[in-house]
Amino acid sequence: MARPKKQRTINIYVQERLFAPREGIASTAEIKADELEAMRLCDREAFYQEKAAGKMGVSRRTLERMLDSGRKKVADALIMGKAIRITRPEYVKFRKGVGP
């Protein structure tokens, strides 16, 4: 039996949404809210992975896996003309004061 995922904290409110190219959509790449948050903290906010992992309540290695997975999905979607769907898994929680 697989180990349950540890809860991850994100600092931005993420709604499920779809970003699609203007042309027809052949397929969709699903990016989880925690992958998006990892990319936001490391790529947009320029945090070191150790600090970003602390903000999310995960290990640096887990953050590294989320970054790798999210970046691959974004690159694949951009290169292959796929839509990008942002999803929020049950194990993701918002930091207090964030969200609807």
Foldseek 3Di string as FASTA:
>chain_A
DDDDDAAWEAAAADDKDKAADPDDAPAEQEQEPLLVRLCCVCPVVVDDLCVSCVNTVHHSVVSVVSPVSRVVSVVCCVVVRHMYIYHYDPSYDYDPPHDD
